[in-house]
Amino acid sequence: ALGNEVKTDLFMKLAQIELGRDRHAEAVKYARISLQAAPKNVISRYVMALALLFDGKLQPAYREFLRVKEFGADALGDPQELETVLAYCRQMMDSKK
């Protein structure tokens, strides 16, 4: 069996690859596997949130972006980018009400 750290990294990278290929359901699947081993992995959670957003699943994406913020958006490099994405999600959800 793969160790948790190896499993986390492997599936995190697979999620990133699938996101880059616009295969959102696959990206979510791999990110979830990564998060089973490391629930606070900010990069896996961010990739999953992006995949959900690109797939039009605003509320689940928004929840995941909030968890990214909770777990440490600093790991992403630019915390303001996350705030911009959160504001976009809120605006889109409000417009659908």
Protein backbone atom coordinates (compact mmCIF):
# COMPACT_ATOMS: atom_id res chain seq x y z
CA ALA A 1 0.00 0.00 0.00
CA LEU A 2 1.12 3.53 -0.69
CA GLY A 3 2.02 5.68 2.28
CA ASN A 4 -0.31 8.58 2.99
CA GLU A 5 2.18 11.21 1.84
CA VAL A 6 2.88 9.43 -1.46
CA LYS A 7 -0.84 8.81 -2.02
CA THR A 8 -1.66 12.45 -1.28
CA ASP A 9 0.98 13.74 -3.70
CA LEU A 10 0.17 11.25 -6.46
CA PHE A 11 -3.55 11.92 -6.48
CA MET A 12 -3.05 15.66 -6.01
CA LYS A 13 -0.93 15.69 -9.18
CA LEU A 14 -3.44 13.54 -11.06
CA ALA A 15 -6.19 15.98 -10.04
CA GLN A 16 -4.11 18.89 -11.37
CA ILE A 17 -3.48 17.10 -14.67
CA GLU A 18 -7.17 16.31 -15.14
CA LEU A 19 -8.13 19.90 -14.30
CA GLY A 20 -5.70 21.07 -16.97
CA ARG A 21 -7.39 18.74 -19.44
CA ASP A 22 -10.84 20.15 -18.53
CA ARG A 23 -11.85 16.76 -17.18
CA HIS A 24 -13.54 18.16 -14.10
CA ALA A 25 -15.24 15.02 -12.78
CA GLU A 26 -11.92 13.16 -12.90
CA ALA A 27 -10.14 16.06 -11.19
CA VAL A 28 -12.71 16.00 -8.38
CA LYS A 29 -12.38 12.22 -8.05
CA TYR A 30 -8.59 12.36 -7.72
CA ALA A 31 -8.67 15.37 -5.39
CA ARG A 32 -11.10 13.52 -3.11
CA ILE A 33 -8.77 10.51 -2.96
CA SER A 34 -5.90 12.83 -2.07
CA LEU A 35 -8.02 14.49 0.62
CA GLN A 36 -8.91 11.14 2.19
CA ALA A 37 -5.24 10.80 3.08
CA ALA A 38 -4.71 14.47 3.96
CA PRO A 39 -7.97 16.38 4.55
CA LYS A 40 -6.21 19.72 5.05
CA ASN A 41 -4.19 19.58 1.82
CA VAL A 42 -4.86 23.08 0.52
CA ILE A 43 -3.73 22.42 -3.05
CA SER A 44 -5.91 19.32 -3.50
CA ARG A 45 -8.86 21.16 -2.03
CA TYR A 46 -8.26 24.20 -4.25
CA VAL A 47 -8.02 22.02 -7.37
CA MET A 48 -11.26 20.30 -6.39
CA ALA A 49 -12.97 23.66 -5.80
CA LEU A 50 -11.83 24.92 -9.20
CA ALA A 51 -13.04 21.75 -10.92
CA LEU A 52 -16.44 22.09 -9.23
CA LEU A 53 -16.63 25.75 -10.23
CA PHE A 54 -15.71 25.04 -13.85
CA ASP A 55 -18.35 22.30 -13.85
CA GLY A 56 -20.99 24.85 -12.77
CA LYS A 57 -21.39 23.49 -9.23
CA LEU A 58 -21.24 26.85 -7.50
CA GLN A 59 -22.35 26.00 -3.97
CA PRO A 60 -20.07 22.96 -3.52
CA ALA A 61 -17.21 24.95 -5.06
CA TYR A 62 -17.86 27.88 -2.72
CA ARG A 63 -17.85 25.56 0.31
CA GLU A 64 -14.51 24.11 -0.76
CA PHE A 65 -13.00 27.55 -1.37
CA LEU A 66 -14.07 28.52 2.16
CA ARG A 67 -12.31 25.43 3.50
CA VAL A 68 -9.18 26.40 1.56
CA LYS A 69 -9.33 29.77 3.31
CA GLU A 70 -9.84 28.06 6.67
CA PHE A 71 -6.91 25.67 6.17
CA GLY A 72 -4.45 28.30 4.95
CA ALA A 73 -4.77 30.08 1.64
CA ASP A 74 -1.21 31.35 2.08
CA ALA A 75 -0.03 28.04 0.63
CA LEU A 76 -1.50 29.15 -2.71
CA GLY A 77 0.83 32.12 -2.97
CA ASP A 78 -1.65 34.99 -3.41
CA PRO A 79 -4.43 35.04 -0.79
CA GLN A 80 -6.14 37.91 -2.67
CA GLU A 81 -6.76 35.55 -5.59
CA LEU A 82 -8.86 33.34 -3.31
CA GLU A 83 -10.85 36.37 -2.11
CA THR A 84 -11.56 37.27 -5.73
CA VAL A 85 -12.78 33.74 -6.48
CA LEU A 86 -14.97 33.75 -3.36
CA ALA A 87 -16.51 37.09 -4.38
CA TYR A 88 -17.18 35.72 -7.87
CA CYS A 89 -18.93 32.64 -6.43
CA ARG A 90 -21.06 34.78 -4.13
CA GLN A 91 -22.04 37.05 -7.02
CA MET A 92 -22.97 34.11 -9.25
CA MET A 93 -24.97 32.40 -6.50
CA ASP A 94 -26.81 35.66 -5.71
CA SER A 95 -27.69 36.13 -9.37
CA LYS A 96 -29.30 32.67 -9.45
CA LYS A 97 -31.63 33.40 -6.54
